[in-house]
Amino acid sequence: MQSLREESPHSQVHSKRRYLQCLAPPLLAAFISLSPLSYPPVSHAQPIDGQRGAALFNKACIGCHDGGGNILQPGATLFMKDLQRNGVDTEEGIYGITYYGKGRMPGFGENCTPKGQCTFGARLQDEEIKLLAEFVKSQAARGWPSVESYGD
């Protein structure tokens, strides 16, 4: 005769089955939620670059180009129609003007010359100017929504 503490083999199998049945739903849910097949690939670089571009814009450009305008030359705004008319509606064009300057716009590049065309303030690194060019192009394509939307 079996003692009260010992379980029959049938009882042990039943106990293990109940235990597995209790674990199955949460384990399956965890597996599915953590599976790479559950989520499409997401690029986190875009929002971060947008935030960095917005921060750089607020630091170096907003004094003259608040909201995409231009307080010194009304025909040289950062709105798409003016960028196109002035032949700088690409990231490369925006990069060139930001680096070397043009007209009343000072250049911010580390190796900007001639001296009279370049800012007397802090210079920007190439990567920062690229981020600014991407940001300005993106904002221009969207009609210059509020810069605060990037969560400065």
C-alpha atoms as a PDB file:
ATOM      1  CA  MET A   1       0.000   0.000   0.000  1.00  0.00           C
ATOM      2  CA  GLN A   2       1.238   3.477  -0.813  1.00  0.00           C
ATOM      3  CA  SER A   3       1.779   6.007   1.903  1.00  0.00           C
ATOM      4  CA  LEU A   4      -0.215   9.197   1.887  1.00  0.00           C
ATOM      5  CA  ARG A   5       2.818  11.203   0.870  1.00  0.00           C
ATOM      6  CA  GLU A   6       3.625   9.186  -2.214  1.00  0.00           C
ATOM      7  CA  GLU A   7       1.674   9.900  -5.346  1.00  0.00           C
ATOM      8  CA  SER A   8       0.763   7.295  -7.876  1.00  0.00           C
ATOM      9  CA  PRO A   9       2.493   7.546 -11.277  1.00  0.00           C
ATOM     10  CA  HIS A  10      -0.836   8.514 -12.809  1.00  0.00           C
ATOM     11  CA  SER A  11      -1.236  11.321 -10.274  1.00  0.00           C
ATOM     12  CA  GLN A  12       2.312  12.602 -10.933  1.00  0.00           C
ATOM     13  CA  VAL A  13       1.687  12.758 -14.665  1.00  0.00           C
ATOM     14  CA  HIS A  14      -1.583  14.591 -14.084  1.00  0.00           C
ATOM     15  CA  SER A  15       0.161  17.048 -11.748  1.00  0.00           C
ATOM     16  CA  LYS A  16       2.946  17.754 -14.269  1.00  0.00           C
ATOM     17  CA  ARG A  17       0.395  18.200 -17.046  1.00  0.00           C
ATOM     18  CA  ARG A  18      -1.552  20.771 -14.973  1.00  0.00           C
ATOM     19  CA  TYR A  19       1.693  22.572 -14.159  1.00  0.00           C
ATOM     20  CA  LEU A  20       2.630  22.766 -17.862  1.00  0.00           C
ATOM     21  CA  GLN A  21      -0.866  23.893 -18.796  1.00  0.00           C
ATOM     22  CA  CYS A  22      -0.567  26.766 -16.333  1.00  0.00           C
ATOM     23  CA  LEU A  23       2.841  27.794 -17.713  1.00  0.00           C
ATOM     24  CA  ALA A  24       2.035  27.436 -21.406  1.00  0.00           C
ATOM     25  CA  PRO A  25      -0.024  30.614 -21.964  1.00  0.00           C
ATOM     26  CA  PRO A  26       2.427  33.053 -20.314  1.00  0.00           C
ATOM     27  CA  LEU A  27       5.437  31.356 -21.940  1.00  0.00           C
ATOM     28  CA  LEU A  28       3.778  31.425 -25.341  1.00  0.00           C
ATOM     29  CA  ALA A  29       2.838  35.096 -24.878  1.00  0.00           C
ATOM     30  CA  ALA A  30       6.405  35.971 -23.885  1.00  0.00           C
ATOM     31  CA  PHE A  31       7.826  34.059 -26.835  1.00  0.00           C
ATOM     32  CA  ILE A  32       5.497  35.758 -29.312  1.00  0.00           C
ATOM     33  CA  SER A  33       6.015  39.247 -27.910  1.00  0.00           C
ATOM     34  CA  LEU A  34       9.795  38.914 -27.896  1.00  0.00           C
ATOM     35  CA  SER A  35      10.005  37.231 -31.271  1.00  0.00           C
ATOM     36  CA  PRO A  36      11.655  39.349 -33.996  1.00  0.00           C
ATOM     37  CA  LEU A  37       8.869  38.228 -36.313  1.00  0.00           C
ATOM     38  CA  SER A  38       6.332  40.151 -34.210  1.00  0.00           C
ATOM     39  CA  TYR A  39       7.775  43.560 -34.992  1.00  0.00           C
ATOM     40  CA  PRO A  40       8.890  45.070 -38.263  1.00  0.00           C
ATOM     41  CA  PRO A  41      12.404  46.533 -38.164  1.00  0.00           C
ATOM     42  CA  VAL A  42      12.412  50.032 -36.769  1.00  0.00           C
ATOM     43  CA  SER A  43      15.111  52.606 -37.335  1.00  0.00           C
ATOM     44  CA  HIS A  44      15.699  54.588 -34.166  1.00  0.00           C
ATOM     45  CA  ALA A  45      18.233  56.795 -35.897  1.00  0.00           C
ATOM     46  CA  GLN A  46      15.645  59.023 -37.589  1.00  0.00           C
ATOM     47  CA  PRO A  47      13.971  60.430 -34.441  1.00  0.00           C
ATOM     48  CA  ILE A  48      17.299  60.809 -32.675  1.00  0.00           C
ATOM     49  CA  ASP A  49      18.842  62.572 -35.672  1.00  0.00           C
ATOM     50  CA  GLY A  50      15.744  64.778 -35.900  1.00  0.00           C
ATOM     51  CA  GLN A  51      16.160  65.740 -32.258  1.00  0.00           C
ATOM     52  CA  ARG A  52      19.868  66.415 -32.698  1.00  0.00           C
ATOM     53  CA  GLY A  53      19.176  68.412 -35.860  1.00  0.00           C
ATOM     54  CA  ALA A  54      16.533  70.449 -34.040  1.00  0.00           C
ATOM     55  CA  ALA A  55      18.908  71.089 -31.129  1.00  0.00           C
ATOM     56  CA  LEU A  56      21.661  72.246 -33.506  1.00  0.00           C
ATOM     57  CA  PHE A  57      19.182  74.433 -35.386  1.00  0.00           C
ATOM     58  CA  ASN A  58      18.080  76.030 -32.112  1.00  0.00           C
ATOM     59  CA  LYS A  59      21.710  76.638 -31.179  1.00  0.00           C
ATOM     60  CA  ALA A  60      23.131  77.950 -34.443  1.00  0.00           C
ATOM     61  CA  CYS A  61      20.329  78.997 -36.818  1.00  0.00           C
ATOM     62  CA  ILE A  62      17.160  80.025 -35.051  1.00  0.00           C
ATOM     63  CA  GLY A  63      18.393  83.587 -34.460  1.00  0.00           C
ATOM     64  CA  CYS A  64      17.944  84.378 -38.165  1.00  0.00           C
ATOM     65  CA  HIS A  65      15.781  81.464 -39.356  1.00  0.00           C
ATOM     66  CA  ASP A  66      13.085  81.121 -36.685  1.00  0.00           C
ATOM     67  CA  GLY A  67      10.247  79.008 -38.070  1.00  0.00           C
ATOM     68  CA  GLY A  68      12.075  78.646 -41.392  1.00  0.00           C
ATOM     69  CA  GLY A  69      12.011  82.374 -42.123  1.00  0.00           C
ATOM     70  CA  ASN A  70      14.909  84.754 -42.679  1.00  0.00           C
ATOM     71  CA  ILE A  71      15.028  88.035 -40.753  1.00  0.00           C
ATOM     72  CA  LEU A  72      17.852  89.446 -42.913  1.00  0.00           C
ATOM     73  CA  GLN A  73      16.792  88.406 -46.431  1.00  0.00           C
ATOM     74  CA  PRO A  74      13.071  87.669 -46.823  1.00  0.00           C
ATOM     75  CA  GLY A  75      13.639  85.965 -50.208  1.00  0.00           C
ATOM     76  CA  ALA A  76      16.113  83.488 -48.749  1.00  0.00           C
ATOM     77  CA  THR A  77      13.904  81.620 -46.301  1.00  0.00           C
ATOM     78  CA  LEU A  78      14.183  77.941 -45.578  1.00  0.00           C
ATOM     79  CA  PHE A  79      10.796  77.197 -47.130  1.00  0.00           C
ATOM     80  CA  MET A  80      10.872  74.829 -50.075  1.00  0.00           C
ATOM     81  CA  LYS A  81       9.797  77.446 -52.653  1.00  0.00           C
ATOM     82  CA  ASP A  82      12.748  79.700 -51.736  1.00  0.00           C
ATOM     83  CA  LEU A  83      15.197  76.804 -51.471  1.00  0.00           C
ATOM     84  CA  GLN A  84      14.170  75.681 -54.974  1.00  0.00           C
ATOM     85  CA  ARG A  85      14.309  79.195 -56.429  1.00  0.00           C
ATOM     86  CA  ASN A  86      17.798  79.683 -54.967  1.00  0.00           C
ATOM     87  CA  GLY A  87      18.986  76.270 -56.190  1.00  0.00           C
ATOM     88  CA  VAL A  88      19.627  74.796 -52.756  1.00  0.00           C
ATOM     89  CA  ASP A  89      16.696  72.423 -52.298  1.00  0.00           C
ATOM     90  CA  THR A  90      18.903  69.359 -51.709  1.00  0.00           C
ATOM     91  CA  GLU A  91      20.719  68.320 -48.563  1.00  0.00           C
ATOM     92  CA  GLU A  92      23.982  68.862 -50.437  1.00  0.00           C
ATOM     93  CA  GLY A  93      22.997  72.426 -51.356  1.00  0.00           C
ATOM     94  CA  ILE A  94      21.926  73.230 -47.806  1.00  0.00           C
ATOM     95  CA  TYR A  95      25.148  71.659 -46.518  1.00  0.00           C
ATOM     96  CA  GLY A  96      27.254  73.853 -48.853  1.00  0.00           C
ATOM     97  CA  ILE A  97      25.630  77.111 -47.773  1.00  0.00           C
ATOM     98  CA  THR A  98      25.786  76.131 -44.107  1.00  0.00           C
ATOM     99  CA  TYR A  99      29.458  75.182 -44.417  1.00  0.00           C
ATOM    100  CA  TYR A 100      30.745  78.059 -46.591  1.00  0.00           C
ATOM    101  CA  GLY A 101      28.051  80.709 -46.269  1.00  0.00           C
ATOM    102  CA  LYS A 102      26.558  82.861 -49.019  1.00  0.00           C
ATOM    103  CA  GLY A 103      25.570  86.525 -49.126  1.00  0.00           C
ATOM    104  CA  ARG A 104      24.656  87.583 -45.600  1.00  0.00           C
ATOM    105  CA  MET A 105      24.639  83.979 -44.399  1.00  0.00           C
ATOM    106  CA  PRO A 106      27.911  83.181 -42.627  1.00  0.00           C
ATOM    107  CA  GLY A 107      29.573  79.799 -43.060  1.00  0.00           C
ATOM    108  CA  PHE A 108      29.823  77.539 -40.044  1.00  0.00           C
ATOM    109  CA  GLY A 109      32.246  74.902 -41.377  1.00  0.00           C
ATOM    110  CA  GLU A 110      35.485  74.180 -39.561  1.00  0.00           C
ATOM    111  CA  ASN A 111      37.527  75.013 -42.682  1.00  0.00           C
ATOM    112  CA  CYS A 112      35.311  77.799 -44.016  1.00  0.00           C
ATOM    113  CA  THR A 113      37.134  80.427 -46.091  1.00  0.00           C
ATOM    114  CA  PRO A 114      37.350  83.304 -46.885  1.00  0.00           C
ATOM    115  CA  LYS A 115      37.433  84.628 -43.350  1.00  0.00           C
ATOM    116  CA  GLY A 116      34.992  87.470 -44.048  1.00  0.00           C
ATOM    117  CA  GLN A 117      32.282  84.993 -45.103  1.00  0.00           C
ATOM    118  CA  CYS A 118      32.580  82.741 -42.046  1.00  0.00           C
ATOM    119  CA  THR A 119      31.018  83.041 -38.640  1.00  0.00           C
ATOM    120  CA  PHE A 120      33.020  84.616 -35.853  1.00  0.00           C
ATOM    121  CA  GLY A 121      31.257  82.257 -33.445  1.00  0.00           C
ATOM    122  CA  ALA A 122      31.659  78.565 -32.834  1.00  0.00           C
ATOM    123  CA  ARG A 123      32.236  76.364 -35.861  1.00  0.00           C
ATOM    124  CA  LEU A 124      30.325  73.168 -36.522  1.00  0.00           C
ATOM    125  CA  GLN A 125      31.759  69.755 -37.348  1.00  0.00           C
ATOM    126  CA  ASP A 126      30.944  68.107 -40.688  1.00  0.00           C
ATOM    127  CA  GLU A 127      28.546  65.628 -39.053  1.00  0.00           C
ATOM    128  CA  GLU A 128      26.679  68.466 -37.334  1.00  0.00           C
ATOM    129  CA  ILE A 129      26.282  70.333 -40.623  1.00  0.00           C
ATOM    130  CA  LYS A 130      24.982  67.138 -42.249  1.00  0.00           C
ATOM    131  CA  LEU A 131      22.412  66.776 -39.463  1.00  0.00           C
ATOM    132  CA  LEU A 132      21.400  70.403 -39.911  1.00  0.00           C
ATOM    133  CA  ALA A 133      21.023  69.951 -43.671  1.00  0.00           C
ATOM    134  CA  GLU A 134      18.858  66.849 -43.152  1.00  0.00           C
ATOM    135  CA  PHE A 135      16.776  68.666 -40.553  1.00  0.00           C
ATOM    136  CA  VAL A 136      16.252  71.784 -42.709  1.00  0.00           C
ATOM    137  CA  LYS A 137      15.349  69.675 -45.756  1.00  0.00           C
ATOM    138  CA  SER A 138      12.891  67.619 -43.695  1.00  0.00           C
ATOM    139  CA  GLN A 139      11.308  70.702 -42.147  1.00  0.00           C
ATOM    140  CA  ALA A 140      11.051  72.431 -45.521  1.00  0.00           C
ATOM    141  CA  ALA A 141       9.346  69.373 -47.030  1.00  0.00           C
ATOM    142  CA  ARG A 142       6.831  69.473 -44.169  1.00  0.00           C
ATOM    143  CA  GLY A 143       6.206  73.234 -44.349  1.00  0.00           C
ATOM    144  CA  TRP A 144       8.154  74.021 -41.186  1.00  0.00           C
ATOM    145  CA  PRO A 145       5.988  72.584 -38.429  1.00  0.00           C
ATOM    146  CA  SER A 146       6.921  73.619 -34.921  1.00  0.00           C
ATOM    147  CA  VAL A 147      10.500  72.731 -34.008  1.00  0.00           C
ATOM    148  CA  GLU A 148       9.300  71.882 -30.496  1.00  0.00           C
ATOM    149  CA  SER A 149       7.558  68.803 -31.956  1.00  0.00           C
ATOM    150  CA  TYR A 150      10.970  67.121 -31.948  1.00  0.00           C
ATOM    151  CA  GLY A 151      11.047  67.209 -28.162  1.00  0.00           C
ATOM    152  CA  ASP A 152      14.039  69.464 -27.503  1.00  0.00           C
END
